[in-house]
PDB file of N, CA and C in Angstrom:
ATOM      1  N   ARG A   1     117.970  65.982 108.750  1.00  0.00           N
ATOM      2  CA  ARG A   1     118.556  65.594 107.918  1.00  0.00           C
ATOM      3  C   ARG A   1     119.612  66.102 107.662  1.00  0.00           C
ATOM      4  N   ILE A   2     119.947  67.375 107.810  1.00  0.00           N
ATOM      5  CA  ILE A   2     121.288  68.422 107.288  1.00  0.00           C
ATOM      6  C   ILE A   2     122.538  67.655 108.646  1.00  0.00           C
ATOM      7  N   ARG A   3     121.632  67.177 109.683  1.00  0.00           N
ATOM      8  CA  ARG A   3     122.932  66.634 110.605  1.00  0.00           C
ATOM      9  C   ARG A   3     123.344  65.230 110.028  1.00  0.00           C
ATOM     10  N   SER A   4     122.911  64.258 109.536  1.00  0.00           N
ATOM     11  CA  SER A   4     123.492  62.995 108.423  1.00  0.00           C
ATOM     12  C   SER A   4     124.310  63.508 107.604  1.00  0.00           C
ATOM     13  N   ASP A   5     124.103  64.640 107.256  1.00  0.00           N
ATOM     14  CA  ASP A   5     124.519  65.228 105.759  1.00  0.00           C
ATOM     15  C   ASP A   5     126.067  65.391 106.254  1.00  0.00           C
ATOM     16  N   VAL A   6     126.001  66.402 106.847  1.00  0.00           N
ATOM     17  CA  VAL A   6     126.896  67.411 107.182  1.00  0.00           C
ATOM     18  C   VAL A   6     127.686  66.963 108.788  1.00  0.00           C
ATOM     19  N   GLY A   7     126.889  66.507 109.588  1.00  0.00           N
ATOM     20  CA  GLY A   7     127.551  66.461 110.563  1.00  0.00           C
ATOM     21  C   GLY A   7     127.146  67.487 111.810  1.00  0.00           C
ATOM     22  N   ALA A   8     127.125  66.787 112.953  1.00  0.00           N
ATOM     23  CA  ALA A   8     126.301  67.576 114.266  1.00  0.00           C
ATOM     24  C   ALA A   8     127.176  69.170 113.948  1.00  0.00           C
ATOM     25  N   ALA A   9     128.115  69.545 113.921  1.00  0.00           N
ATOM     26  CA  ALA A   9     128.580  70.542 114.018  1.00  0.00           C
ATOM     27  C   ALA A   9     128.204  72.038 113.091  1.00  0.00           C
ATOM     28  N   ASP A  10     127.750  70.882 112.124  1.00  0.00           N
ATOM     29  CA  ASP A  10     127.564  72.058 110.819  1.00  0.00           C
ATOM     30  C   ASP A  10     126.286  72.508 110.525  1.00  0.00           C
ATOM     31  N   VAL A  11     125.266  71.442 111.883  1.00  0.00           N
ATOM     32  CA  VAL A  11     123.950  72.235 111.786  1.00  0.00           C
ATOM     33  C   VAL A  11     123.692  73.754 112.535  1.00  0.00           C
ATOM     34  N   VAL A  12     124.390  74.131 113.416  1.00  0.00           N
ATOM     35  CA  VAL A  12     124.188  75.361 113.492  1.00  0.00           C
ATOM     36  C   VAL A  12     124.773  76.694 112.941  1.00  0.00           C
ATOM     37  N   ILE A  13     125.374  76.228 111.775  1.00  0.00           N
ATOM     38  CA  ILE A  13     125.325  77.019 110.712  1.00  0.00           C
ATOM     39  C   ILE A  13     124.134  77.627 109.659  1.00  0.00           C
ATOM     40  N   HIS A  14     123.013  76.476 109.711  1.00  0.00           N
ATOM     41  CA  HIS A  14     121.932  76.005 109.312  1.00  0.00           C
ATOM     42  C   HIS A  14     121.011  77.096 110.080  1.00  0.00           C
ATOM     43  N   LEU A  15     120.800  76.379 110.921  1.00  0.00           N
ATOM     44  CA  LEU A  15     120.025  76.633 112.089  1.00  0.00           C
ATOM     45  C   LEU A  15     120.388  76.614 113.251  1.00  0.00           C
ATOM     46  N   PRO A  16     120.784  78.440 113.448  1.00  0.00           N
ATOM     47  CA  PRO A  16     121.342  79.011 114.765  1.00  0.00           C
ATOM     48  C   PRO A  16     120.356  78.725 115.619  1.00  0.00           C
ATOM     49  N   LYS A  17     121.621  78.708 116.923  1.00  0.00           N
ATOM     50  CA  LYS A  17     121.211  78.418 118.321  1.00  0.00           C
ATOM     51  C   LYS A  17     119.965  79.432 118.555  1.00  0.00           C
ATOM     52  N   GLY A  18     120.117  80.399 118.728  1.00  0.00           N
ATOM     53  CA  GLY A  18     119.141  81.450 119.076  1.00  0.00           C
ATOM     54  C   GLY A  18     117.596  80.960 118.569  1.00  0.00           C
ATOM     55  N   SER A  19     118.040  80.645 116.927  1.00  0.00           N
ATOM     56  CA  SER A  19     116.451  80.223 116.053  1.00  0.00           C
ATOM     57  C   SER A  19     115.676  79.542 116.931  1.00  0.00           C
ATOM     58  N   PHE A  20     117.041  78.018 116.924  1.00  0.00           N
ATOM     59  CA  PHE A  20     116.411  76.800 117.619  1.00  0.00           C
ATOM     60  C   PHE A  20     115.311  77.745 119.168  1.00  0.00           C
ATOM     61  N   LEU A  21     116.234  78.394 119.897  1.00  0.00           N
ATOM     62  CA  LEU A  21     115.586  78.164 120.833  1.00  0.00           C
ATOM     63  C   LEU A  21     114.659  78.828 121.271  1.00  0.00           C
ATOM     64  N   ARG A  22     114.183  79.712 119.918  1.00  0.00           N
ATOM     65  CA  ARG A  22     112.726  80.627 119.808  1.00  0.00           C
ATOM     66  C   ARG A  22     111.933  79.625 119.339  1.00  0.00           C
ATOM     67  N   SER A  23     112.085  78.472 118.458  1.00  0.00           N
ATOM     68  CA  SER A  23     111.449  77.752 118.100  1.00  0.00           C
ATOM     69  C   SER A  23     110.461  76.464 119.085  1.00  0.00           C
ATOM     70  N   LEU A  24     111.243  76.538 120.663  1.00  0.00           N
ATOM     71  CA  LEU A  24     110.941  76.000 121.613  1.00  0.00           C
ATOM     72  C   LEU A  24     109.372  76.536 122.284  1.00  0.00           C
ATOM     73  N   LYS A  25     108.233  76.112 121.870  1.00  0.00           N
ATOM     74  CA  LYS A  25     107.573  76.465 122.348  1.00  0.00           C
ATOM     75  C   LYS A  25     106.937  75.552 123.060  1.00  0.00           C
ATOM     76  N   LEU A  26     107.854  74.801 124.501  1.00  0.00           N
ATOM     77  CA  LEU A  26     107.360  73.634 125.674  1.00  0.00           C
ATOM     78  C   LEU A  26     105.925  73.989 126.458  1.00  0.00           C
ATOM     79  N   ASP A  27     105.931  75.238 126.404  1.00  0.00           N
ATOM     80  CA  ASP A  27     104.941  75.681 127.342  1.00  0.00           C
ATOM     81  C   ASP A  27     103.467  75.182 126.747  1.00  0.00           C
ATOM     82  N   LEU A  28     103.503  75.277 125.137  1.00  0.00           N
ATOM     83  CA  LEU A  28     102.713  74.967 124.718  1.00  0.00           C
ATOM     84  C   LEU A  28     102.036  73.285 124.614  1.00  0.00           C
ATOM     85  N   VAL A  29     102.880  72.441 124.999  1.00  0.00           N
ATOM     86  CA  VAL A  29     102.927  71.081 124.888  1.00  0.00           C
ATOM     87  C   VAL A  29     101.839  70.698 125.719  1.00  0.00           C
ATOM     88  N   PRO A  30     101.316  70.599 127.217  1.00  0.00           N
ATOM     89  CA  PRO A  30     100.290  70.590 127.758  1.00  0.00           C
ATOM     90  C   PRO A  30      99.028  70.688 126.417  1.00  0.00           C
ATOM     91  N   GLU A  31      98.463  71.682 126.366  1.00  0.00           N
ATOM     92  CA  GLU A  31      97.625  72.476 124.997  1.00  0.00           C
ATOM     93  C   GLU A  31      97.612  71.483 123.973  1.00  0.00           C
ATOM     94  N   LYS A  32      98.528  71.094 123.668  1.00  0.00           N
ATOM     95  CA  LYS A  32      98.582  70.206 122.033  1.00  0.00           C
ATOM     96  C   LYS A  32      98.405  69.192 122.253  1.00  0.00           C
ATOM     97  N   VAL A  33      98.987  68.103 123.520  1.00  0.00           N
ATOM     98  CA  VAL A  33      98.596  66.991 123.583  1.00  0.00           C
ATOM     99  C   VAL A  33      96.575  66.881 123.652  1.00  0.00           C
ATOM    100  N   LYS A  34      96.150  68.026 124.764  1.00  0.00           N
ATOM    101  CA  LYS A  34      94.810  68.587 124.560  1.00  0.00           C
ATOM    102  C   LYS A  34      94.204  67.925 123.591  1.00  0.00           C
ATOM    103  N   ALA A  35      94.686  68.993 122.518  1.00  0.00           N
ATOM    104  CA  ALA A  35      93.990  69.375 121.307  1.00  0.00           C
ATOM    105  C   ALA A  35      94.315  67.529 120.603  1.00  0.00           C
ATOM    106  N   VAL A  36      95.239  66.961 120.306  1.00  0.00           N
ATOM    107  CA  VAL A  36      95.325  65.943 120.123  1.00  0.00           C
ATOM    108  C   VAL A  36      94.297  64.623 120.188  1.00  0.00           C
ATOM    109  N   ARG A  37      94.642  64.767 121.535  1.00  0.00           N
ATOM    110  CA  ARG A  37      92.884  63.785 122.015  1.00  0.00           C
ATOM    111  C   ARG A  37      92.211  64.152 122.014  1.00  0.00           C
ATOM    112  N   ALA A  38      91.908  65.017 121.887  1.00  0.00           N
ATOM    113  CA  ALA A  38      89.875  65.661 121.412  1.00  0.00           C
ATOM    114  C   ALA A  38      90.096  64.841 120.028  1.00  0.00           C
ATOM    115  N   ARG A  39      90.938  65.244 118.932  1.00  0.00           N
ATOM    116  CA  ARG A  39      90.933  64.603 117.587  1.00  0.00           C
ATOM    117  C   ARG A  39      90.842  63.075 117.883  1.00  0.00           C
ATOM    118  N   VAL A  40      91.499  62.903 118.372  1.00  0.00           N
ATOM    119  CA  VAL A  40      91.098  61.108 118.424  1.00  0.00           C
ATOM    120  C   VAL A  40      90.305  60.506 119.346  1.00  0.00           C
ATOM    121  N   GLU A  41      89.708  61.212 120.147  1.00  0.00           N
ATOM    122  CA  GLU A  41      88.172  60.892 120.301  1.00  0.00           C
ATOM    123  C   GLU A  41      86.968  61.405 119.429  1.00  0.00           C
ATOM    124  N   LYS A  42      87.359  61.968 118.693  1.00  0.00           N
ATOM    125  CA  LYS A  42      86.515  62.680 117.978  1.00  0.00           C
ATOM    126  C   LYS A  42      86.102  61.665 116.630  1.00  0.00           C
ATOM    127  N   HIS A  43      87.026  60.976 116.273  1.00  0.00           N
ATOM    128  CA  HIS A  43      86.762  60.149 115.353  1.00  0.00           C
ATOM    129  C   HIS A  43      86.811  58.866 115.541  1.00  0.00           C
ATOM    130  N   PHE A  44      86.982  58.147 117.089  1.00  0.00           N
ATOM    131  CA  PHE A  44      87.030  57.349 117.779  1.00  0.00           C
ATOM    132  C   PHE A  44      86.338  57.018 118.591  1.00  0.00           C
ATOM    133  N   VAL A  45      85.296  56.130 118.629  1.00  0.00           N
ATOM    134  CA  VAL A  45      83.846  55.473 119.305  1.00  0.00           C
ATOM    135  C   VAL A  45      84.916  55.216 120.607  1.00  0.00           C
ATOM    136  N   SER A  46      83.931  55.475 121.825  1.00  0.00           N
ATOM    137  CA  SER A  46      84.808  54.548 122.784  1.00  0.00           C
ATOM    138  C   SER A  46      85.116  53.422 122.542  1.00  0.00           C
ATOM    139  N   GLY A  47      84.377  52.278 121.880  1.00  0.00           N
ATOM    140  CA  GLY A  47      85.008  51.147 122.525  1.00  0.00           C
ATOM    141  C   GLY A  47      85.748  50.707 120.893  1.00  0.00           C
ATOM    142  N   MET A  48      85.183  51.663 120.387  1.00  0.00           N
ATOM    143  CA  MET A  48      86.174  50.948 118.954  1.00  0.00           C
ATOM    144  C   MET A  48      87.782  51.110 119.291  1.00  0.00           C
ATOM    145  N   GLY A  49      88.782  51.555 120.226  1.00  0.00           N
ATOM    146  CA  GLY A  49      90.275  51.334 120.266  1.00  0.00           C
ATOM    147  C   GLY A  49      90.613  52.525 120.561  1.00  0.00           C
ATOM    148  N   VAL A  50      90.083  53.359 121.048  1.00  0.00           N
ATOM    149  CA  VAL A  50      90.072  54.910 121.416  1.00  0.00           C
ATOM    150  C   VAL A  50      91.412  54.968 122.336  1.00  0.00           C
ATOM    151  N   ASP A  51      91.544  53.775 123.246  1.00  0.00           N
ATOM    152  CA  ASP A  51      92.585  53.589 124.242  1.00  0.00           C
ATOM    153  C   ASP A  51      94.054  53.409 123.541  1.00  0.00           C
ATOM    154  N   ARG A  52      93.527  51.669 122.520  1.00  0.00           N
ATOM    155  CA  ARG A  52      94.926  51.585 121.819  1.00  0.00           C
ATOM    156  C   ARG A  52      95.357  52.535 120.582  1.00  0.00           C
ATOM    157  N   VAL A  53      94.514  53.487 119.934  1.00  0.00           N
ATOM    158  CA  VAL A  53      95.269  54.555 119.584  1.00  0.00           C
ATOM    159  C   VAL A  53      95.636  54.949 120.114  1.00  0.00           C
ATOM    160  N   TRP A  54      95.208  55.679 121.487  1.00  0.00           N
ATOM    161  CA  TRP A  54      96.119  56.518 121.913  1.00  0.00           C
ATOM    162  C   TRP A  54      97.315  56.217 122.776  1.00  0.00           C
ATOM    163  N   ARG A  55      97.206  54.792 123.330  1.00  0.00           N
ATOM    164  CA  ARG A  55      98.794  54.507 123.099  1.00  0.00           C
ATOM    165  C   ARG A  55      99.752  54.613 122.592  1.00  0.00           C
ATOM    166  N   GLU A  56      99.428  54.097 121.526  1.00  0.00           N
ATOM    167  CA  GLU A  56     100.598  53.960 120.267  1.00  0.00           C
ATOM    168  C   GLU A  56     100.880  55.775 120.187  1.00  0.00           C
ATOM    169  N   ILE A  57      99.921  56.987 120.236  1.00  0.00           N
ATOM    170  CA  ILE A  57     100.283  58.089 119.865  1.00  0.00           C
ATOM    171  C   ILE A  57     100.937  58.286 121.119  1.00  0.00           C
ATOM    172  N   THR A  58     101.051  58.158 121.715  1.00  0.00           N
ATOM    173  CA  THR A  58     101.396  58.153 123.257  1.00  0.00           C
ATOM    174  C   THR A  58     103.067  58.003 123.101  1.00  0.00           C
ATOM    175  N   GLU A  59     103.208  56.548 122.575  1.00  0.00           N
ATOM    176  CA  GLU A  59     104.553  55.917 122.676  1.00  0.00           C
ATOM    177  C   GLU A  59     105.287  56.709 121.329  1.00  0.00           C
ATOM    178  N   CYS A  60     104.687  56.904 120.156  1.00  0.00           N
ATOM    179  CA  CYS A  60     105.714  58.020 118.946  1.00  0.00           C
ATOM    180  C   CYS A  60     105.721  59.385 119.637  1.00  0.00           C
ATOM    181  N   LEU A  61     104.662  59.830 119.913  1.00  0.00           N
ATOM    182  CA  LEU A  61     105.394  61.219 120.621  1.00  0.00           C
ATOM    183  C   LEU A  61     106.627  60.966 121.810  1.00  0.00           C
ATOM    184  N   GLN A  62     107.179  60.555 122.630  1.00  0.00           N
ATOM    185  CA  GLN A  62     108.005  60.051 123.655  1.00  0.00           C
ATOM    186  C   GLN A  62     109.003  59.955 122.809  1.00  0.00           C
ATOM    187  N   SER A  63     109.092  59.171 122.061  1.00  0.00           N
ATOM    188  CA  SER A  63     109.937  58.355 120.998  1.00  0.00           C
ATOM    189  C   SER A  63     110.364  59.669 119.895  1.00  0.00           C
ATOM    190  N   MET A  64     109.615  60.176 119.642  1.00  0.00           N
ATOM    191  CA  MET A  64     110.099  61.695 118.893  1.00  0.00           C
ATOM    192  C   MET A  64     110.835  62.753 119.716  1.00  0.00           C
ATOM    193  N   PHE A  65     110.247  62.934 120.706  1.00  0.00           N
ATOM    194  CA  PHE A  65     110.699  63.705 121.718  1.00  0.00           C
ATOM    195  C   PHE A  65     111.649  63.621 122.861  1.00  0.00           C
ATOM    196  N   ARG A  66     112.172  62.246 122.569  1.00  0.00           N
ATOM    197  CA  ARG A  66     113.544  61.629 122.911  1.00  0.00           C
ATOM    198  C   ARG A  66     114.646  61.991 121.964  1.00  0.00           C
ATOM    199  N   ASP A  67     114.236  61.458 120.581  1.00  0.00           N
ATOM    200  CA  ASP A  67     115.161  62.181 119.620  1.00  0.00           C
ATOM    201  C   ASP A  67     115.438  63.592 119.306  1.00  0.00           C
ATOM    202  N   TRP A  68     114.485  64.428 119.580  1.00  0.00           N
ATOM    203  CA  TRP A  68     114.634  65.971 119.674  1.00  0.00           C
ATOM    204  C   TRP A  68     115.319  66.252 120.932  1.00  0.00           C
ATOM    205  N   ALA A  69     115.290  65.692 121.601  1.00  0.00           N
ATOM    206  CA  ALA A  69     115.843  65.648 122.959  1.00  0.00           C
ATOM    207  C   ALA A  69     117.183  65.656 123.345  1.00  0.00           C
ATOM    208  N   LYS A  70     117.958  64.462 122.093  1.00  0.00           N
ATOM    209  CA  LYS A  70     118.895  63.837 121.458  1.00  0.00           C
ATOM    210  C   LYS A  70     119.936  65.162 120.442  1.00  0.00           C
ATOM    211  N   VAL A  71     119.243  65.650 119.993  1.00  0.00           N
ATOM    212  CA  VAL A  71     119.319  66.620 118.915  1.00  0.00           C
ATOM    213  C   VAL A  71     119.935  67.825 119.504  1.00  0.00           C
ATOM    214  N   SER A  72     119.057  68.340 120.481  1.00  0.00           N
ATOM    215  CA  SER A  72     119.401  69.375 121.190  1.00  0.00           C
ATOM    216  C   SER A  72     119.981  69.399 122.650  1.00  0.00           C
ATOM    217  N   ALA A  73     120.465  68.075 122.853  1.00  0.00           N
ATOM    218  CA  ALA A  73     121.864  68.202 123.881  1.00  0.00           C
ATOM    219  C   ALA A  73     122.996  68.127 122.658  1.00  0.00           C
ATOM    220  N   GLU A  74     123.512  67.457 121.786  1.00  0.00           N
ATOM    221  CA  GLU A  74     124.125  66.929 120.782  1.00  0.00           C
ATOM    222  C   GLU A  74     124.193  68.828 120.756  1.00  0.00           C
ATOM    223  N   VAL A  75     123.813  68.531 119.915  1.00  0.00           N
ATOM    224  CA  VAL A  75     124.312  69.626 119.038  1.00  0.00           C
ATOM    225  C   VAL A  75     124.147  71.424 119.590  1.00  0.00           C
ATOM    226  N   TYR A  76     123.688  71.877 120.383  1.00  0.00           N
ATOM    227  CA  TYR A  76     123.114  72.923 120.484  1.00  0.00           C
ATOM    228  C   TYR A  76     123.574  73.188 122.160  1.00  0.00           C
ATOM    229  N   GLY A  77     124.011  71.533 122.923  1.00  0.00           N
ATOM    230  CA  GLY A  77     124.111  71.841 123.928  1.00  0.00           C
ATOM    231  C   GLY A  77     123.185  72.403 125.207  1.00  0.00           C
ATOM    232  N   HIS A  78     121.699  71.955 124.780  1.00  0.00           N
ATOM    233  CA  HIS A  78     120.911  72.275 125.307  1.00  0.00           C
ATOM    234  C   HIS A  78     119.779  71.363 125.808  1.00  0.00           C
ATOM    235  N   ARG A  79     119.538  71.269 127.337  1.00  0.00           N
ATOM    236  CA  ARG A  79     118.970  70.527 127.646  1.00  0.00           C
ATOM    237  C   ARG A  79     117.360  70.882 128.271  1.00  0.00           C
ATOM    238  N   LEU A  80     116.418  69.947 127.376  1.00  0.00           N
ATOM    239  CA  LEU A  80     115.281  70.871 127.162  1.00  0.00           C
ATOM    240  C   LEU A  80     114.775  70.925 128.593  1.00  0.00           C
ATOM    241  N   ALA A  81     113.798  71.549 129.181  1.00  0.00           N
ATOM    242  CA  ALA A  81     113.030  71.710 130.230  1.00  0.00           C
ATOM    243  C   ALA A  81     111.971  70.267 130.513  1.00  0.00           C
ATOM    244  N   ILE A  82     111.554  69.324 129.479  1.00  0.00           N
ATOM    245  CA  ILE A  82     110.588  68.558 129.497  1.00  0.00           C
ATOM    246  C   ILE A  82     111.191  67.680 129.196  1.00  0.00           C
ATOM    247  N   THR A  83     110.837  66.458 130.044  1.00  0.00           N
ATOM    248  CA  THR A  83     111.174  64.738 129.476  1.00  0.00           C
ATOM    249  C   THR A  83     110.118  64.099 128.713  1.00  0.00           C
ATOM    250  N   SER A  84     110.716  63.285 128.103  1.00  0.00           N
ATOM    251  CA  SER A  84     109.334  62.406 127.508  1.00  0.00           C
ATOM    252  C   SER A  84     108.635  61.369 128.254  1.00  0.00           C
ATOM    253  N   ASP A  85     109.193  61.411 129.332  1.00  0.00           N
ATOM    254  CA  ASP A  85     108.671  61.028 130.708  1.00  0.00           C
ATOM    255  C   ASP A  85     107.053  62.038 130.770  1.00  0.00           C
ATOM    256  N   GLU A  86     107.598  63.077 131.137  1.00  0.00           N
ATOM    257  CA  GLU A  86     106.453  63.701 131.251  1.00  0.00           C
ATOM    258  C   GLU A  86     105.605  64.373 129.768  1.00  0.00           C
ATOM    259  N   ILE A  87     105.922  64.114 128.868  1.00  0.00           N
ATOM    260  CA  ILE A  87     104.883  63.779 127.618  1.00  0.00           C
ATOM    261  C   ILE A  87     104.292  62.953 128.049  1.00  0.00           C
ATOM    262  N   GLY A  88     104.886  61.625 128.540  1.00  0.00           N
ATOM    263  CA  GLY A  88     104.052  60.310 128.766  1.00  0.00           C
ATOM    264  C   GLY A  88     102.793  60.661 129.892  1.00  0.00           C
ATOM    265  N   ARG A  89     103.244  61.553 130.721  1.00  0.00           N
ATOM    266  CA  ARG A  89     102.161  61.373 131.886  1.00  0.00           C
ATOM    267  C   ARG A  89     100.950  62.532 131.859  1.00  0.00           C
ATOM    268  N   GLN A  90     101.640  63.653 130.436  1.00  0.00           N
ATOM    269  CA  GLN A  90     100.433  64.398 130.161  1.00  0.00           C
ATOM    270  C   GLN A  90      99.316  63.889 129.568  1.00  0.00           C
ATOM    271  N   CYS A  91     100.283  62.646 128.395  1.00  0.00           N
ATOM    272  CA  CYS A  91      98.813  62.304 127.565  1.00  0.00           C
ATOM    273  C   CYS A  91      98.331  60.864 128.449  1.00  0.00           C
ATOM    274  N   ALA A  92      98.840  60.580 129.208  1.00  0.00           N
ATOM    275  CA  ALA A  92      98.160  59.590 130.118  1.00  0.00           C
ATOM    276  C   ALA A  92      97.134  60.470 131.186  1.00  0.00           C
ATOM    277  N   GLU A  93      97.406  61.614 131.090  1.00  0.00           N
ATOM    278  CA  GLU A  93      96.617  62.784 132.362  1.00  0.00           C
ATOM    279  C   GLU A  93      95.467  62.713 131.355  1.00  0.00           C
ATOM    280  N   GLN A  94      95.219  63.288 129.960  1.00  0.00           N
ATOM    281  CA  GLN A  94      94.420  63.419 129.298  1.00  0.00           C
ATOM    282  C   GLN A  94      93.620  62.331 128.603  1.00  0.00           C
ATOM    283  N   ALA A  95      94.099  61.014 129.379  1.00  0.00           N
ATOM    284  CA  ALA A  95      93.101  59.628 128.498  1.00  0.00           C
ATOM    285  C   ALA A  95      92.639  59.724 130.425  1.00  0.00           C
ATOM    286  N   GLY A  96      92.920  59.784 130.773  1.00  0.00           N
ATOM    287  CA  GLY A  96      91.841  59.697 132.277  1.00  0.00           C
ATOM    288  C   GLY A  96      93.090  58.877 133.247  1.00  0.00           C
ATOM    289  N   ASP A  97      94.297  58.315 132.684  1.00  0.00           N
ATOM    290  CA  ASP A  97      94.898  57.675 133.484  1.00  0.00           C
ATOM    291  C   ASP A  97      95.597  58.269 134.243  1.00  0.00           C
ATOM    292  N   THR A  98      94.933  58.694 135.784  1.00  0.00           N
ATOM    293  CA  THR A  98      95.290  59.156 137.024  1.00  0.00           C
ATOM    294  C   THR A  98      96.267  58.709 137.805  1.00  0.00           C
ATOM    295  N   GLU A  99      96.417  57.033 137.789  1.00  0.00           N
ATOM    296  CA  GLU A  99      97.775  56.535 138.183  1.00  0.00           C
ATOM    297  C   GLU A  99      98.907  56.890 137.846  1.00  0.00           C
ATOM    298  N   ARG A 100      98.791  56.513 136.406  1.00  0.00           N
ATOM    299  CA  ARG A 100     100.327  56.979 135.525  1.00  0.00           C
ATOM    300  C   ARG A 100     100.465  58.678 135.602  1.00  0.00           C
ATOM    301  N   ALA A 101      99.528  59.748 135.258  1.00  0.00           N
ATOM    302  CA  ALA A 101      99.588  60.927 135.180  1.00  0.00           C
ATOM    303  C   ALA A 101     100.426  61.440 136.977  1.00  0.00           C
ATOM    304  N   SER A 102     100.341  60.258 137.605  1.00  0.00           N
ATOM    305  CA  SER A 102     100.537  60.822 139.028  1.00  0.00           C
ATOM    306  C   SER A 102     101.856  60.831 139.883  1.00  0.00           C
ATOM    307  N   ARG A 103     102.511  59.876 139.109  1.00  0.00           N
ATOM    308  CA  ARG A 103     103.537  59.455 139.393  1.00  0.00           C
ATOM    309  C   ARG A 103     104.749  60.057 138.581  1.00  0.00           C
ATOM    310  N   PRO A 104     105.947  60.716 139.532  1.00  0.00           N
ATOM    311  CA  PRO A 104     106.781  61.632 139.464  1.00  0.00           C
ATOM    312  C   PRO A 104     107.523  61.432 138.892  1.00  0.00           C
ATOM    313  N   SER A 105     108.089  62.371 137.522  1.00  0.00           N
ATOM    314  CA  SER A 105     109.143  62.655 136.787  1.00  0.00           C
ATOM    315  C   SER A 105     110.117  61.606 137.182  1.00  0.00           C
ATOM    316  N   ARG A 106     110.853  60.768 136.143  1.00  0.00           N
ATOM    317  CA  ARG A 106     112.279  60.334 136.581  1.00  0.00           C
ATOM    318  C   ARG A 106     113.049  61.111 135.686  1.00  0.00           C
ATOM    319  N   ARG A 107     113.338  62.716 136.458  1.00  0.00           N
ATOM    320  CA  ARG A 107     114.362  63.093 135.882  1.00  0.00           C
ATOM    321  C   ARG A 107     115.735  62.512 136.266  1.00  0.00           C
ATOM    322  N   ARG A 108     116.496  63.166 134.586  1.00  0.00           N
ATOM    323  CA  ARG A 108     118.084  62.579 134.463  1.00  0.00           C
ATOM    324  C   ARG A 108     118.606  63.351 134.422  1.00  0.00           C
ATOM    325  N   SER A 109     119.953  63.461 135.072  1.00  0.00           N
ATOM    326  CA  SER A 109     121.138  64.167 135.019  1.00  0.00           C
ATOM    327  C   SER A 109     122.183  63.891 134.003  1.00  0.00           C
ATOM    328  N   GLY A 110     122.877  64.664 133.329  1.00  0.00           N
ATOM    329  CA  GLY A 110     123.595  64.548 132.458  1.00  0.00           C
ATOM    330  C   GLY A 110     123.335  64.218 131.194  1.00  0.00           C
ATOM    331  N   GLY A 111     121.646  65.195 130.880  1.00  0.00           N
ATOM    332  CA  GLY A 111     121.333  64.854 129.318  1.00  0.00           C
ATOM    333  C   GLY A 111     120.208  63.596 129.467  1.00  0.00           C
ATOM    334  N   SER A 112     119.849  63.626 128.049  1.00  0.00           N
ATOM    335  CA  SER A 112     118.581  62.698 128.055  1.00  0.00           C
ATOM    336  C   SER A 112     119.511  61.137 127.847  1.00  0.00           C
ATOM    337  N   ARG A 113     118.660  60.211 127.813  1.00  0.00           N
ATOM    338  CA  ARG A 113     118.687  59.304 127.544  1.00  0.00           C
ATOM    339  C   ARG A 113     117.976  58.495 125.732  1.00  0.00           C
ATOM    340  N   THR A 114     118.594  58.048 125.542  1.00  0.00           N
ATOM    341  CA  THR A 114     117.820  57.664 123.888  1.00  0.00           C
ATOM    342  C   THR A 114     117.503  56.506 123.859  1.00  0.00           C
ATOM    343  N   GLN A 115     116.819  55.828 122.850  1.00  0.00           N
ATOM    344  CA  GLN A 115     117.031  54.522 122.211  1.00  0.00           C
ATOM    345  C   GLN A 115     117.443  54.641 120.837  1.00  0.00           C
ATOM    346  N   GLY A 116     118.464  53.910 120.964  1.00  0.00           N
ATOM    347  CA  GLY A 116     119.175  53.804 119.295  1.00  0.00           C
ATOM    348  C   GLY A 116     119.387  55.111 118.913  1.00  0.00           C
ATOM    349  N   ASP A 117     119.848  55.493 117.745  1.00  0.00           N
ATOM    350  CA  ASP A 117     120.951  56.676 117.344  1.00  0.00           C
ATOM    351  C   ASP A 117     119.607  56.802 116.283  1.00  0.00           C
ATOM    352  N   SER A 118     118.406  57.038 116.219  1.00  0.00           N
ATOM    353  CA  SER A 118     117.537  56.576 114.878  1.00  0.00           C
ATOM    354  C   SER A 118     117.969  58.635 114.506  1.00  0.00           C
ATOM    355  N   ALA A 119     118.077  59.211 115.428  1.00  0.00           N
ATOM    356  CA  ALA A 119     118.061  60.637 115.393  1.00  0.00           C
ATOM    357  C   ALA A 119     119.886  61.634 114.109  1.00  0.00           C
ATOM    358  N   SER A 120     120.190  60.545 113.945  1.00  0.00           N
ATOM    359  CA  SER A 120     121.423  61.035 113.179  1.00  0.00           C
ATOM    360  C   SER A 120     121.235  60.551 111.858  1.00  0.00           C
TER     361      SER A 120
END
């Protein structure tokens, strides 16, 4: 929200780069994805749309992560150590989609690719 109100340059005044970097706990991502999958399975019976719900959650997580990576790169000049593709692979792994989970990551050089400009 700060970014849209005052611009990217002023974001670092409100959230210094050091605080931002300390808040990144990317090593916890696989654990958190696993926890979300367990909750989905708890609330949905196998034939009652678990896969459809999980696909939607995966797409949402990937979209949010692309936006976060964009802000990270544009505001702090920091490239995240994990990509939205890797988030998708971790979600696929939790869903038992071994074909997608085993695909190599499509690493991008020179920043992150985003869809639209919804983060600004």
